[in-house]
C-alpha atoms as a PDB file:
ATOM      1  CA  MET A   1      18.652  49.684  -2.099  1.00  0.00           C
ATOM      2  CA  HIS A   2      18.970  46.603  -3.941  1.00  0.00           C
ATOM      3  CA  THR A   3      22.988  45.778  -5.766  1.00  0.00           C
ATOM      4  CA  THR A   4      23.286  44.065  -8.504  1.00  0.00           C
ATOM      5  CA  VAL A   5      26.062  41.364  -8.079  1.00  0.00           C
ATOM      6  CA  PRO A   6      28.912  41.433 -10.483  1.00  0.00           C
ATOM      7  CA  THR A   7      29.077  38.593 -13.082  1.00  0.00           C
ATOM      8  CA  SER A   8      32.382  37.859 -12.012  1.00  0.00           C
ATOM      9  CA  LEU A   9      31.193  36.320  -8.726  1.00  0.00           C
ATOM     10  CA  ARG A  10      28.194  34.144  -9.935  1.00  0.00           C
ATOM     11  CA  PRO A  11      30.160  31.822 -12.455  1.00  0.00           C
ATOM     12  CA  HIS A  12      27.574  28.647 -11.286  1.00  0.00           C
ATOM     13  CA  ARG A  13      24.991  29.006 -13.558  1.00  0.00           C
ATOM     14  CA  PRO A  14      22.377  25.330 -12.717  1.00  0.00           C
ATOM     15  CA  ARG A  15      19.525  27.092 -14.956  1.00  0.00           C
ATOM     16  CA  ARG A  16      21.904  27.040 -18.297  1.00  0.00           C
ATOM     17  CA  LEU A  17      21.306  23.447 -18.550  1.00  0.00           C
ATOM     18  CA  ARG A  18      17.276  23.428 -17.730  1.00  0.00           C
ATOM     19  CA  SER A  19      16.687  26.138 -20.860  1.00  0.00           C
ATOM     20  CA  SER A  20      14.739  24.113 -23.379  1.00  0.00           C
ATOM     21  CA  PRO A  21      13.026  21.165 -23.611  1.00  0.00           C
ATOM     22  CA  ALA A  22      15.724  19.920 -25.564  1.00  0.00           C
ATOM     23  CA  MET A  23      18.562  20.665 -23.164  1.00  0.00           C
ATOM     24  CA  ARG A  24      16.721  19.153 -20.419  1.00  0.00           C
ATOM     25  CA  ARG A  25      16.414  16.165 -22.663  1.00  0.00           C
ATOM     26  CA  LEU A  26      20.174  15.846 -23.490  1.00  0.00           C
ATOM     27  CA  VAL A  27      21.221  16.227 -20.076  1.00  0.00           C
ATOM     28  CA  ALA A  28      18.931  14.189 -18.070  1.00  0.00           C
ATOM     29  CA  GLU A  29      20.460  12.219 -15.601  1.00  0.00           C
ATOM     30  CA  THR A  30      17.439   9.342 -15.133  1.00  0.00           C
ATOM     31  CA  ARG A  31      15.254   7.805 -18.623  1.00  0.00           C
ATOM     32  CA  LEU A  32      12.166   5.473 -18.739  1.00  0.00           C
ATOM     33  CA  HIS A  33      13.012   3.640 -21.247  1.00  0.00           C
ATOM     34  CA  PRO A  34      10.446   0.056 -22.136  1.00  0.00           C
ATOM     35  CA  ALA A  35      12.907  -2.326 -21.201  1.00  0.00           C
ATOM     36  CA  ASP A  36      13.062  -1.510 -17.856  1.00  0.00           C
ATOM     37  CA  LEU A  37       9.423  -2.165 -17.151  1.00  0.00           C
ATOM     38  CA  VAL A  38       7.418  -5.357 -16.436  1.00  0.00           C
ATOM     39  CA  LEU A  39       3.981  -5.306 -16.801  1.00  0.00           C
ATOM     40  CA  PRO A  40       1.965  -7.144 -14.089  1.00  0.00           C
ATOM     41  CA  VAL A  41      -1.028  -9.100 -15.303  1.00  0.00           C
ATOM     42  CA  PHE A  42      -3.847 -10.737 -13.835  1.00  0.00           C
ATOM     43  CA  VAL A  43      -5.320 -14.111 -15.410  1.00  0.00           C
ATOM     44  CA  ARG A  44      -9.002 -15.357 -13.621  1.00  0.00           C
ATOM     45  CA  GLU A  45     -10.384 -19.258 -13.921  1.00  0.00           C
ATOM     46  CA  GLY A  46     -13.774 -18.866 -15.128  1.00  0.00           C
ATOM     47  CA  ILE A  47     -14.226 -15.880 -16.845  1.00  0.00           C
ATOM     48  CA  HIS A  48     -15.270 -15.409 -20.126  1.00  0.00           C
ATOM     49  CA  GLU A  49     -13.870 -11.963 -21.225  1.00  0.00           C
ATOM     50  CA  PRO A  50     -11.630  -9.574 -19.528  1.00  0.00           C
ATOM     51  CA  SER A  51     -12.992  -8.229 -16.492  1.00  0.00           C
ATOM     52  CA  PRO A  52     -12.634  -4.688 -15.111  1.00  0.00           C
ATOM     53  CA  ILE A  53     -11.111  -4.138 -11.286  1.00  0.00           C
ATOM     54  CA  THR A  54     -12.661  -1.285  -9.984  1.00  0.00           C
ATOM     55  CA  SER A  55      -9.837  -0.073  -7.515  1.00  0.00           C
ATOM     56  CA  MET A  56      -7.577  -0.005 -10.290  1.00  0.00           C
ATOM     57  CA  PRO A  57      -8.871   1.724 -13.142  1.00  0.00           C
ATOM     58  CA  GLY A  58      -7.365   0.455 -16.786  1.00  0.00           C
ATOM     59  CA  VAL A  59      -6.301  -3.301 -15.040  1.00  0.00           C
ATOM     60  CA  MET A  60      -8.406  -6.233 -16.126  1.00  0.00           C
ATOM     61  CA  GLN A  61      -8.759  -9.657 -14.913  1.00  0.00           C
ATOM     62  CA  HIS A  62      -7.708 -11.575 -18.174  1.00  0.00           C
ATOM     63  CA  THR A  63      -8.706 -14.699 -19.764  1.00  0.00           C
ATOM     64  CA  LEU A  64      -6.234 -17.087 -21.364  1.00  0.00           C
ATOM     65  CA  ASP A  65      -7.396 -15.812 -24.581  1.00  0.00           C
ATOM     66  CA  SER A  66      -7.222 -12.304 -23.822  1.00  0.00           C
ATOM     67  CA  VAL A  67      -3.896 -12.548 -22.200  1.00  0.00           C
ATOM     68  CA  ARG A  68      -2.295 -13.873 -24.859  1.00  0.00           C
ATOM     69  CA  ALA A  69      -3.009 -10.137 -26.661  1.00  0.00           C
ATOM     70  CA  VAL A  70      -1.607  -8.183 -23.731  1.00  0.00           C
ATOM     71  CA  ALA A  71       1.741 -10.326 -23.935  1.00  0.00           C
ATOM     72  CA  VAL A  72       2.119 -10.037 -27.953  1.00  0.00           C
ATOM     73  CA  GLU A  73       1.468  -6.157 -27.276  1.00  0.00           C
ATOM     74  CA  ALA A  74       3.988  -6.101 -24.525  1.00  0.00           C
ATOM     75  CA  ALA A  75       6.599  -7.772 -26.661  1.00  0.00           C
ATOM     76  CA  ALA A  76       5.610  -5.238 -29.461  1.00  0.00           C
ATOM     77  CA  ALA A  77       5.466  -2.361 -27.262  1.00  0.00           C
ATOM     78  CA  GLY A  78       9.510  -3.203 -26.383  1.00  0.00           C
ATOM     79  CA  LEU A  79       8.800  -4.132 -22.792  1.00  0.00           C
ATOM     80  CA  GLY A  80      11.087  -5.848 -20.593  1.00  0.00           C
ATOM     81  CA  GLY A  81       8.701  -8.563 -19.368  1.00  0.00           C
ATOM     82  CA  ILE A  82       5.554  -9.541 -18.198  1.00  0.00           C
ATOM     83  CA  MET A  83       4.369 -10.944 -14.272  1.00  0.00           C
ATOM     84  CA  LEU A  84       1.592 -13.682 -14.665  1.00  0.00           C
ATOM     85  CA  PHE A  85      -0.915 -13.773 -11.498  1.00  0.00           C
ATOM     86  CA  GLY A  86      -3.317 -16.220 -11.346  1.00  0.00           C
ATOM     87  CA  VAL A  87      -7.099 -16.544  -9.667  1.00  0.00           C
ATOM     88  CA  PRO A  88      -8.699 -19.378  -9.143  1.00  0.00           C
ATOM     89  CA  ALA A  89     -11.754 -20.711  -9.390  1.00  0.00           C
ATOM     90  CA  GLU A  90     -11.247 -22.643  -6.097  1.00  0.00           C
ATOM     91  CA  ARG A  91      -9.206 -22.506  -3.226  1.00  0.00           C
ATOM     92  CA  ASP A  92      -8.203 -25.185  -0.255  1.00  0.00           C
ATOM     93  CA  PRO A  93      -6.178 -24.448   2.773  1.00  0.00           C
ATOM     94  CA  LEU A  94      -2.833 -25.683   1.097  1.00  0.00           C
ATOM     95  CA  GLY A  95      -3.369 -23.997  -2.287  1.00  0.00           C
ATOM     96  CA  SER A  96      -3.425 -26.556  -4.374  1.00  0.00           C
ATOM     97  CA  ALA A  97      -4.634 -25.184  -7.331  1.00  0.00           C
ATOM     98  CA  ALA A  98      -1.023 -23.562  -7.830  1.00  0.00           C
ATOM     99  CA  VAL A  99       0.890 -27.040  -8.193  1.00  0.00           C
ATOM    100  CA  ASP A 100      -1.378 -28.272 -10.841  1.00  0.00           C
ATOM    101  CA  PRO A 101      -0.271 -28.704 -14.317  1.00  0.00           C
ATOM    102  CA  ASN A 102      -3.948 -27.904 -15.410  1.00  0.00           C
ATOM    103  CA  GLY A 103      -3.953 -24.843 -12.587  1.00  0.00           C
ATOM    104  CA  ILE A 104      -4.759 -21.429 -14.282  1.00  0.00           C
ATOM    105  CA  LEU A 105      -1.746 -19.944 -13.074  1.00  0.00           C
ATOM    106  CA  ASN A 106       0.434 -22.948 -14.640  1.00  0.00           C
ATOM    107  CA  ARG A 107      -2.157 -22.626 -17.683  1.00  0.00           C
ATOM    108  CA  ALA A 108      -1.339 -19.463 -18.480  1.00  0.00           C
ATOM    109  CA  LEU A 109       2.470 -19.604 -18.138  1.00  0.00           C
ATOM    110  CA  ARG A 110       2.052 -22.524 -21.016  1.00  0.00           C
ATOM    111  CA  ALA A 111      -0.272 -19.841 -23.278  1.00  0.00           C
ATOM    112  CA  VAL A 112       2.167 -16.636 -22.925  1.00  0.00           C
ATOM    113  CA  ALA A 113       5.278 -18.401 -23.227  1.00  0.00           C
ATOM    114  CA  ALA A 114       4.033 -20.350 -26.599  1.00  0.00           C
ATOM    115  CA  GLU A 115       3.341 -16.671 -27.831  1.00  0.00           C
ATOM    116  CA  VAL A 116       5.952 -14.618 -26.294  1.00  0.00           C
ATOM    117  CA  SER A 117       9.085 -16.088 -25.257  1.00  0.00           C
ATOM    118  CA  GLY A 118      12.464 -15.469 -26.476  1.00  0.00           C
ATOM    119  CA  ASP A 119      10.609 -11.997 -27.468  1.00  0.00           C
ATOM    120  CA  LEU A 120       9.419 -11.025 -23.406  1.00  0.00           C
ATOM    121  CA  VAL A 121      10.291 -12.461 -20.079  1.00  0.00           C
ATOM    122  CA  VAL A 122       7.982 -14.193 -18.754  1.00  0.00           C
ATOM    123  CA  GLN A 123       7.702 -14.437 -15.258  1.00  0.00           C
ATOM    124  CA  SER A 124       5.472 -16.039 -12.366  1.00  0.00           C
ATOM    125  CA  ASP A 125       4.163 -14.996  -9.181  1.00  0.00           C
ATOM    126  CA  LEU A 126       5.573 -18.194  -6.768  1.00  0.00           C
ATOM    127  CA  CYS A 127       3.383 -17.529  -3.568  1.00  0.00           C
ATOM    128  CA  LEU A 128       0.210 -19.122  -2.131  1.00  0.00           C
ATOM    129  CA  ASP A 129      -1.435 -16.144  -1.228  1.00  0.00           C
ATOM    130  CA  GLU A 130      -3.836 -16.366  -4.542  1.00  0.00           C
ATOM    131  CA  PHE A 131      -4.402 -19.613  -3.990  1.00  0.00           C
ATOM    132  CA  THR A 132      -5.127 -20.790  -0.232  1.00  0.00           C
ATOM    133  CA  SER A 133      -8.772 -20.329   1.142  1.00  0.00           C
ATOM    134  CA  HIS A 134      -7.260 -18.435   4.026  1.00  0.00           C
ATOM    135  CA  GLY A 135      -5.533 -16.397   2.207  1.00  0.00           C
ATOM    136  CA  HIS A 136      -1.983 -16.090   3.891  1.00  0.00           C
ATOM    137  CA  CYS A 137       1.440 -16.776   1.680  1.00  0.00           C
ATOM    138  CA  GLY A 138       1.877 -20.093   2.796  1.00  0.00           C
ATOM    139  CA  VAL A 139       0.213 -23.242   4.910  1.00  0.00           C
ATOM    140  CA  LEU A 140      -1.108 -22.794   8.541  1.00  0.00           C
ATOM    141  CA  ASP A 141      -0.081 -24.915  11.640  1.00  0.00           C
ATOM    142  CA  GLU A 142      -2.439 -26.553  14.017  1.00  0.00           C
ATOM    143  CA  VAL A 143      -2.905 -22.967  16.035  1.00  0.00           C
ATOM    144  CA  GLY A 144      -3.422 -21.196  12.562  1.00  0.00           C
ATOM    145  CA  ARG A 145       0.055 -19.493  12.216  1.00  0.00           C
ATOM    146  CA  VAL A 146       2.152 -19.547   8.999  1.00  0.00           C
ATOM    147  CA  ASP A 147       4.441 -22.919   8.942  1.00  0.00           C
ATOM    148  CA  ASN A 148       7.457 -21.239   7.685  1.00  0.00           C
ATOM    149  CA  ASP A 149       9.340 -24.759   6.324  1.00  0.00           C
ATOM    150  CA  ALA A 150       5.982 -26.487   5.182  1.00  0.00           C
ATOM    151  CA  THR A 151       5.423 -23.496   3.299  1.00  0.00           C
ATOM    152  CA  LEU A 152       8.714 -23.881   1.701  1.00  0.00           C
ATOM    153  CA  GLN A 153       8.141 -27.519   0.825  1.00  0.00           C
ATOM    154  CA  HIS A 154       5.116 -26.452  -0.866  1.00  0.00           C
ATOM    155  CA  TYR A 155       6.997 -23.104  -3.121  1.00  0.00           C
ATOM    156  CA  ALA A 156       9.999 -26.055  -4.030  1.00  0.00           C
ATOM    157  CA  ARG A 157       7.275 -27.722  -6.042  1.00  0.00           C
ATOM    158  CA  MET A 158       5.115 -24.805  -7.136  1.00  0.00           C
ATOM    159  CA  ALA A 159       8.991 -23.255  -8.582  1.00  0.00           C
ATOM    160  CA  VAL A 160       9.002 -27.007 -10.435  1.00  0.00           C
ATOM    161  CA  ALA A 161       5.719 -26.631 -11.684  1.00  0.00           C
ATOM    162  CA  GLN A 162       6.202 -22.485 -12.995  1.00  0.00           C
ATOM    163  CA  ALA A 163       9.284 -23.866 -14.730  1.00  0.00           C
ATOM    164  CA  GLU A 164       7.891 -26.729 -16.804  1.00  0.00           C
ATOM    165  CA  ALA A 165       5.252 -23.980 -17.617  1.00  0.00           C
ATOM    166  CA  GLY A 166       7.462 -22.067 -18.735  1.00  0.00           C
ATOM    167  CA  ALA A 167       8.345 -19.120 -16.662  1.00  0.00           C
ATOM    168  CA  GLU A 168      11.510 -17.890 -17.190  1.00  0.00           C
ATOM    169  CA  LEU A 169      11.838 -16.174 -13.677  1.00  0.00           C
ATOM    170  CA  LEU A 170      10.117 -16.892 -10.652  1.00  0.00           C
ATOM    171  CA  GLY A 171       8.911 -14.053  -8.349  1.00  0.00           C
ATOM    172  CA  LEU A 172       9.496 -15.307  -4.466  1.00  0.00           C
ATOM    173  CA  SER A 173       7.218 -13.025  -3.223  1.00  0.00           C
ATOM    174  CA  GLY A 174       5.914 -15.137  -0.597  1.00  0.00           C
ATOM    175  CA  MET A 175       8.885 -13.561   2.670  1.00  0.00           C
ATOM    176  CA  MET A 176       9.336 -16.858   4.280  1.00  0.00           C
ATOM    177  CA  ASP A 177      12.922 -17.435   5.603  1.00  0.00           C
ATOM    178  CA  GLY A 178      15.325 -19.906   4.026  1.00  0.00           C
ATOM    179  CA  GLN A 179      12.622 -19.069   0.357  1.00  0.00           C
ATOM    180  CA  VAL A 180      15.286 -18.375  -2.480  1.00  0.00           C
ATOM    181  CA  ALA A 181      17.758 -21.274  -1.153  1.00  0.00           C
ATOM    182  CA  VAL A 182      15.207 -24.095  -1.233  1.00  0.00           C
ATOM    183  CA  VAL A 183      13.858 -22.966  -4.272  1.00  0.00           C
ATOM    184  CA  ARG A 184      17.091 -22.629  -6.865  1.00  0.00           C
ATOM    185  CA  GLU A 185      17.787 -26.247  -5.102  1.00  0.00           C
ATOM    186  CA  ALA A 186      14.699 -27.592  -6.280  1.00  0.00           C
ATOM    187  CA  LEU A 187      15.051 -25.885  -9.676  1.00  0.00           C
ATOM    188  CA  ASP A 188      18.789 -27.020  -9.947  1.00  0.00           C
ATOM    189  CA  GLU A 189      17.268 -30.601  -9.216  1.00  0.00           C
ATOM    190  CA  ALA A 190      14.986 -30.619 -11.623  1.00  0.00           C
ATOM    191  CA  GLY A 191      17.214 -29.558 -14.628  1.00  0.00           C
ATOM    192  CA  PHE A 192      15.993 -26.284 -14.333  1.00  0.00           C
ATOM    193  CA  VAL A 193      19.131 -24.521 -13.870  1.00  0.00           C
ATOM    194  CA  ASP A 194      18.345 -20.957 -15.934  1.00  0.00           C
ATOM    195  CA  ALA A 195      15.276 -20.350 -14.732  1.00  0.00           C
ATOM    196  CA  ALA A 196      16.273 -17.313 -12.697  1.00  0.00           C
ATOM    197  CA  ILE A 197      14.689 -16.046  -9.193  1.00  0.00           C
ATOM    198  CA  LEU A 198      13.567 -12.675  -8.356  1.00  0.00           C
ATOM    199  CA  ALA A 199      13.340 -12.041  -4.988  1.00  0.00           C
ATOM    200  CA  TYR A 200      10.869 -10.220  -3.219  1.00  0.00           C
ATOM    201  CA  ALA A 201      14.086  -9.695  -0.587  1.00  0.00           C
ATOM    202  CA  ALA A 202      12.407  -6.530   0.810  1.00  0.00           C
ATOM    203  CA  LYS A 203       8.197  -6.705   1.259  1.00  0.00           C
ATOM    204  CA  TYR A 204       6.663  -4.628   3.417  1.00  0.00           C
ATOM    205  CA  ALA A 205       3.195  -5.551   4.820  1.00  0.00           C
ATOM    206  CA  SER A 206       1.791  -2.355   3.654  1.00  0.00           C
ATOM    207  CA  ALA A 207      -1.820  -0.512   3.298  1.00  0.00           C
ATOM    208  CA  PHE A 208      -1.144   0.012  -0.072  1.00  0.00           C
ATOM    209  CA  TYR A 209      -1.417  -3.374  -1.400  1.00  0.00           C
ATOM    210  CA  GLY A 210      -5.404  -2.712  -0.982  1.00  0.00           C
ATOM    211  CA  PRO A 211      -6.209  -3.202  -4.579  1.00  0.00           C
ATOM    212  CA  PHE A 212      -4.484  -5.697  -5.297  1.00  0.00           C
ATOM    213  CA  ARG A 213      -7.264  -7.815  -2.925  1.00  0.00           C
ATOM    214  CA  GLU A 214      -9.839  -7.091  -4.739  1.00  0.00           C
ATOM    215  CA  ALA A 215      -7.535  -7.973  -8.275  1.00  0.00           C
ATOM    216  CA  VAL A 216      -7.003 -11.893  -7.056  1.00  0.00           C
ATOM    217  CA  ASP A 217     -10.209 -11.931  -4.665  1.00  0.00           C
ATOM    218  CA  SER A 218      -8.272 -12.155  -1.567  1.00  0.00           C
ATOM    219  CA  GLN A 219      -9.902 -14.209   1.180  1.00  0.00           C
ATOM    220  CA  LEU A 220      -7.230 -12.993   3.611  1.00  0.00           C
ATOM    221  CA  GLN A 221      -8.373 -12.290   7.213  1.00  0.00           C
ATOM    222  CA  GLY A 222      -6.302 -10.348   9.491  1.00  0.00           C
ATOM    223  CA  ASP A 223      -2.721  -9.418   8.362  1.00  0.00           C
ATOM    224  CA  ARG A 224       0.704 -10.436   7.037  1.00  0.00           C
ATOM    225  CA  ARG A 225       2.693  -8.770   9.444  1.00  0.00           C
ATOM    226  CA  SER A 226       4.280 -12.195  10.971  1.00  0.00           C
ATOM    227  CA  TYR A 227       6.534 -12.450   7.329  1.00  0.00           C
ATOM    228  CA  GLN A 228       6.086  -9.148   5.782  1.00  0.00           C
ATOM    229  CA  GLN A 229       8.427  -6.531   7.170  1.00  0.00           C
ATOM    230  CA  ASP A 230       7.624  -3.726   9.532  1.00  0.00           C
ATOM    231  CA  PRO A 231       7.265  -0.310   7.567  1.00  0.00           C
ATOM    232  CA  ALA A 232       8.931   1.400  10.471  1.00  0.00           C
ATOM    233  CA  ASN A 233      12.664  -0.775   9.452  1.00  0.00           C
ATOM    234  CA  ARG A 234      14.961   0.381   7.408  1.00  0.00           C
ATOM    235  CA  ARG A 235      17.663  -1.425   8.215  1.00  0.00           C
ATOM    236  CA  GLU A 236      15.636  -4.942   8.334  1.00  0.00           C
ATOM    237  CA  GLY A 237      15.295  -4.505   4.604  1.00  0.00           C
ATOM    238  CA  LEU A 238      18.678  -4.106   3.695  1.00  0.00           C
ATOM    239  CA  ARG A 239      19.444  -7.611   6.190  1.00  0.00           C
ATOM    240  CA  GLU A 240      16.459  -9.376   3.835  1.00  0.00           C
ATOM    241  CA  ALA A 241      18.357  -8.168   0.435  1.00  0.00           C
ATOM    242  CA  TYR A 242      21.666  -9.341   2.387  1.00  0.00           C
ATOM    243  CA  LEU A 243      20.136 -13.032   3.001  1.00  0.00           C
ATOM    244  CA  ASP A 244      18.799 -13.173  -0.538  1.00  0.00           C
ATOM    245  CA  LEU A 245      22.357 -12.421  -2.301  1.00  0.00           C
ATOM    246  CA  ASP A 246      23.519 -15.379   0.195  1.00  0.00           C
ATOM    247  CA  GLU A 247      21.274 -18.145  -0.751  1.00  0.00           C
ATOM    248  CA  GLY A 248      21.708 -16.862  -4.587  1.00  0.00           C
ATOM    249  CA  ALA A 249      18.873 -14.428  -5.888  1.00  0.00           C
ATOM    250  CA  ASP A 250      19.526 -13.616  -9.417  1.00  0.00           C
ATOM    251  CA  ILE A 251      17.843 -10.476  -8.907  1.00  0.00           C
ATOM    252  CA  VAL A 252      16.723  -8.714  -5.647  1.00  0.00           C
ATOM    253  CA  MET A 253      13.242  -6.678  -5.216  1.00  0.00           C
ATOM    254  CA  VAL A 254      12.146  -3.598  -2.911  1.00  0.00           C
ATOM    255  CA  LYS A 255       8.229  -3.865  -2.809  1.00  0.00           C
ATOM    256  CA  PRO A 256       6.204  -0.864  -2.023  1.00  0.00           C
ATOM    257  CA  ALA A 257       8.461   0.886  -4.291  1.00  0.00           C
ATOM    258  CA  MET A 258       7.359   4.836  -3.993  1.00  0.00           C
ATOM    259  CA  SER A 259       6.969   4.741   0.095  1.00  0.00           C
ATOM    260  CA  TYR A 260      10.374   2.862   0.140  1.00  0.00           C
ATOM    261  CA  LEU A 261      12.382   4.251  -1.819  1.00  0.00           C
ATOM    262  CA  ASP A 262      15.115   5.016   1.377  1.00  0.00           C
ATOM    263  CA  VAL A 263      15.344   0.872   1.512  1.00  0.00           C
ATOM    264  CA  LEU A 264      15.416   1.078  -2.586  1.00  0.00           C
ATOM    265  CA  SER A 265      18.105   3.190  -2.073  1.00  0.00           C
ATOM    266  CA  ASP A 266      20.491   1.269   0.595  1.00  0.00           C
ATOM    267  CA  VAL A 267      19.415  -1.994  -1.104  1.00  0.00           C
ATOM    268  CA  ALA A 268      21.183  -0.785  -4.713  1.00  0.00           C
ATOM    269  CA  ARG A 269      24.086   0.866  -2.870  1.00  0.00           C
ATOM    270  CA  VAL A 270      25.359  -2.175  -2.187  1.00  0.00           C
ATOM    271  CA  SER A 271      23.783  -5.249  -4.698  1.00  0.00           C
ATOM    272  CA  THR A 272      25.638  -7.676  -6.788  1.00  0.00           C
ATOM    273  CA  VAL A 273      22.877  -8.116  -9.037  1.00  0.00           C
ATOM    274  CA  PRO A 274      20.013  -5.743 -10.995  1.00  0.00           C
ATOM    275  CA  VAL A 275      17.719  -4.271  -8.106  1.00  0.00           C
ATOM    276  CA  TRP A 276      14.225  -3.741  -9.105  1.00  0.00           C
ATOM    277  CA  ALA A 277      11.061  -2.328  -7.432  1.00  0.00           C
ATOM    278  CA  TYR A 278       7.695  -2.657  -7.668  1.00  0.00           C
ATOM    279  CA  GLN A 279       4.813   0.238  -8.018  1.00  0.00           C
ATOM    280  CA  VAL A 280       2.125  -1.059  -5.893  1.00  0.00           C
ATOM    281  CA  SER A 281      -1.745  -1.111  -6.752  1.00  0.00           C
ATOM    282  CA  GLY A 282      -2.363   0.855  -4.261  1.00  0.00           C
ATOM    283  CA  GLU A 283       0.219   3.775  -5.416  1.00  0.00           C
ATOM    284  CA  ALA A 284      -1.183   3.019  -9.051  1.00  0.00           C
ATOM    285  CA  ALA A 285      -4.837   3.863  -7.718  1.00  0.00           C
ATOM    286  CA  MET A 286      -3.743   7.239  -5.554  1.00  0.00           C
ATOM    287  CA  ILE A 287      -2.233   8.272  -9.301  1.00  0.00           C
ATOM    288  CA  GLU A 288      -5.602   7.520 -11.052  1.00  0.00           C
ATOM    289  CA  ALA A 289      -7.792   8.964  -8.196  1.00  0.00           C
ATOM    290  CA  ALA A 290      -6.221  12.412  -7.834  1.00  0.00           C
ATOM    291  CA  ALA A 291      -6.070  12.712 -11.404  1.00  0.00           C
ATOM    292  CA  ALA A 292      -9.972  11.833 -11.815  1.00  0.00           C
ATOM    293  CA  ASN A 293     -10.789  14.626  -9.599  1.00  0.00           C
ATOM    294  CA  GLY A 294      -8.615  16.732 -11.746  1.00  0.00           C
ATOM    295  CA  TRP A 295      -5.815  17.260  -8.441  1.00  0.00           C
ATOM    296  CA  ILE A 296      -3.154  16.365 -10.595  1.00  0.00           C
ATOM    297  CA  ASP A 297      -1.538  16.305 -14.282  1.00  0.00           C
ATOM    298  CA  ARG A 298      -2.095  11.808 -14.527  1.00  0.00           C
ATOM    299  CA  GLU A 299       0.756  11.798 -17.412  1.00  0.00           C
ATOM    300  CA  ALA A 300       2.985  13.764 -15.814  1.00  0.00           C
ATOM    301  CA  ALA A 301       2.404  12.092 -12.306  1.00  0.00           C
ATOM    302  CA  ILE A 302       3.008   8.827 -13.629  1.00  0.00           C
ATOM    303  CA  ARG A 303       6.482   9.935 -15.308  1.00  0.00           C
ATOM    304  CA  GLU A 304       7.244  11.648 -12.209  1.00  0.00           C
ATOM    305  CA  SER A 305       6.506   8.154  -9.732  1.00  0.00           C
ATOM    306  CA  LEU A 306       8.522   5.927 -12.126  1.00  0.00           C
ATOM    307  CA  LEU A 307      11.635   8.160 -12.226  1.00  0.00           C
ATOM    308  CA  SER A 308      11.603   8.555  -8.444  1.00  0.00           C
ATOM    309  CA  ILE A 309      11.970   4.703  -8.279  1.00  0.00           C
ATOM    310  CA  SER A 310      14.220   4.331 -11.251  1.00  0.00           C
ATOM    311  CA  ARG A 311      16.616   7.322  -9.577  1.00  0.00           C
ATOM    312  CA  ALA A 312      16.633   6.250  -6.564  1.00  0.00           C
ATOM    313  CA  GLY A 313      18.438   2.717  -8.091  1.00  0.00           C
ATOM    314  CA  ALA A 314      15.662   0.309  -9.668  1.00  0.00           C
ATOM    315  CA  ASP A 315      17.080  -0.789 -12.697  1.00  0.00           C
ATOM    316  CA  THR A 316      13.738  -2.506 -13.517  1.00  0.00           C
ATOM    317  CA  ILE A 317      10.437  -1.298 -12.523  1.00  0.00           C
ATOM    318  CA  LEU A 318       7.305  -3.592 -11.912  1.00  0.00           C
ATOM    319  CA  SER A 319       4.091  -0.976 -12.906  1.00  0.00           C
ATOM    320  CA  TYR A 320       0.639  -1.614 -14.039  1.00  0.00           C
ATOM    321  CA  PHE A 321       1.413   1.748 -16.498  1.00  0.00           C
ATOM    322  CA  ALA A 322       3.963  -0.015 -18.344  1.00  0.00           C
ATOM    323  CA  LEU A 323       2.218  -0.966 -21.230  1.00  0.00           C
ATOM    324  CA  GLU A 324       0.649   3.025 -21.484  1.00  0.00           C
ATOM    325  CA  VAL A 325       4.638   4.274 -20.585  1.00  0.00           C
ATOM    326  CA  ALA A 326       6.513   2.549 -23.105  1.00  0.00           C
ATOM    327  CA  GLY A 327       3.604   4.216 -25.901  1.00  0.00           C
ATOM    328  CA  TRP A 328       5.223   8.052 -24.473  1.00  0.00           C
ATOM    329  CA  ARG A 329       7.822   9.525 -26.839  1.00  0.00           C
ATOM    330  CA  ARG A 330       9.523  11.696 -24.447  1.00  0.00           C
END
């Protein structure tokens, strides 16, 4: 026989705080705010109008003119920043266009900084993979391996070129050992003591980067497992973060985000600087594909995915949905 439990014996009713949209909004532990979002943007040399990226619905390769317009829109929406990636027309084994003041990324940085500096943090991707003819994040030695220390010298020159072009925050994404220390020294010696460093501290060799390869027209053959982290390893992510903190990183990042929430939580628990996460191309593409097939509610899935990243400890999130989400009121 069913017996009702006396009210006095069941005083805990968590459902009281879920009783209405207004109540749930009032007691929410995690919130999405435009200032906590950064928009990644691709700028391609040699095109005359924005070009759609087929594997990333709604995302474009931009011209210098259209990237200015996007930056202005992002600033008006209250986003925290814009991260620029350059796609050059020509590549070589050393990624020479990365240090050329007239290279596409540095030209884009100058254009965007002229439009929004002071209203939006102008950020640059500091890595060679978009610029090398072999598609790796560094220069290669005589047997075809990425030469860590030789690559660092290229990163130092890239950092100064990007800071001169107007980058306020440099995103070191190459996963070379010692990159933060070398770049910090180069920036300081060149007088850019206020240029900040975002260290991609825990960056994993992930299958979820696939659409990004199309976005930057990657020339990569093979993989990057000799320098990006093994997805099997959790403690290693924390070790990498500690090293970057010791070298002077102003911000540390975990990438990808959704498949590495455990690592993100680990880093957030110990970091003395802001912790960011990158909702990468494959994560966004999966949401778009499932929504296009009617399998999930697109807006709800985007919101939930970003909340999960924030809840795990990210202070700021790089997301291709950033500009759209900034327009949502709840």
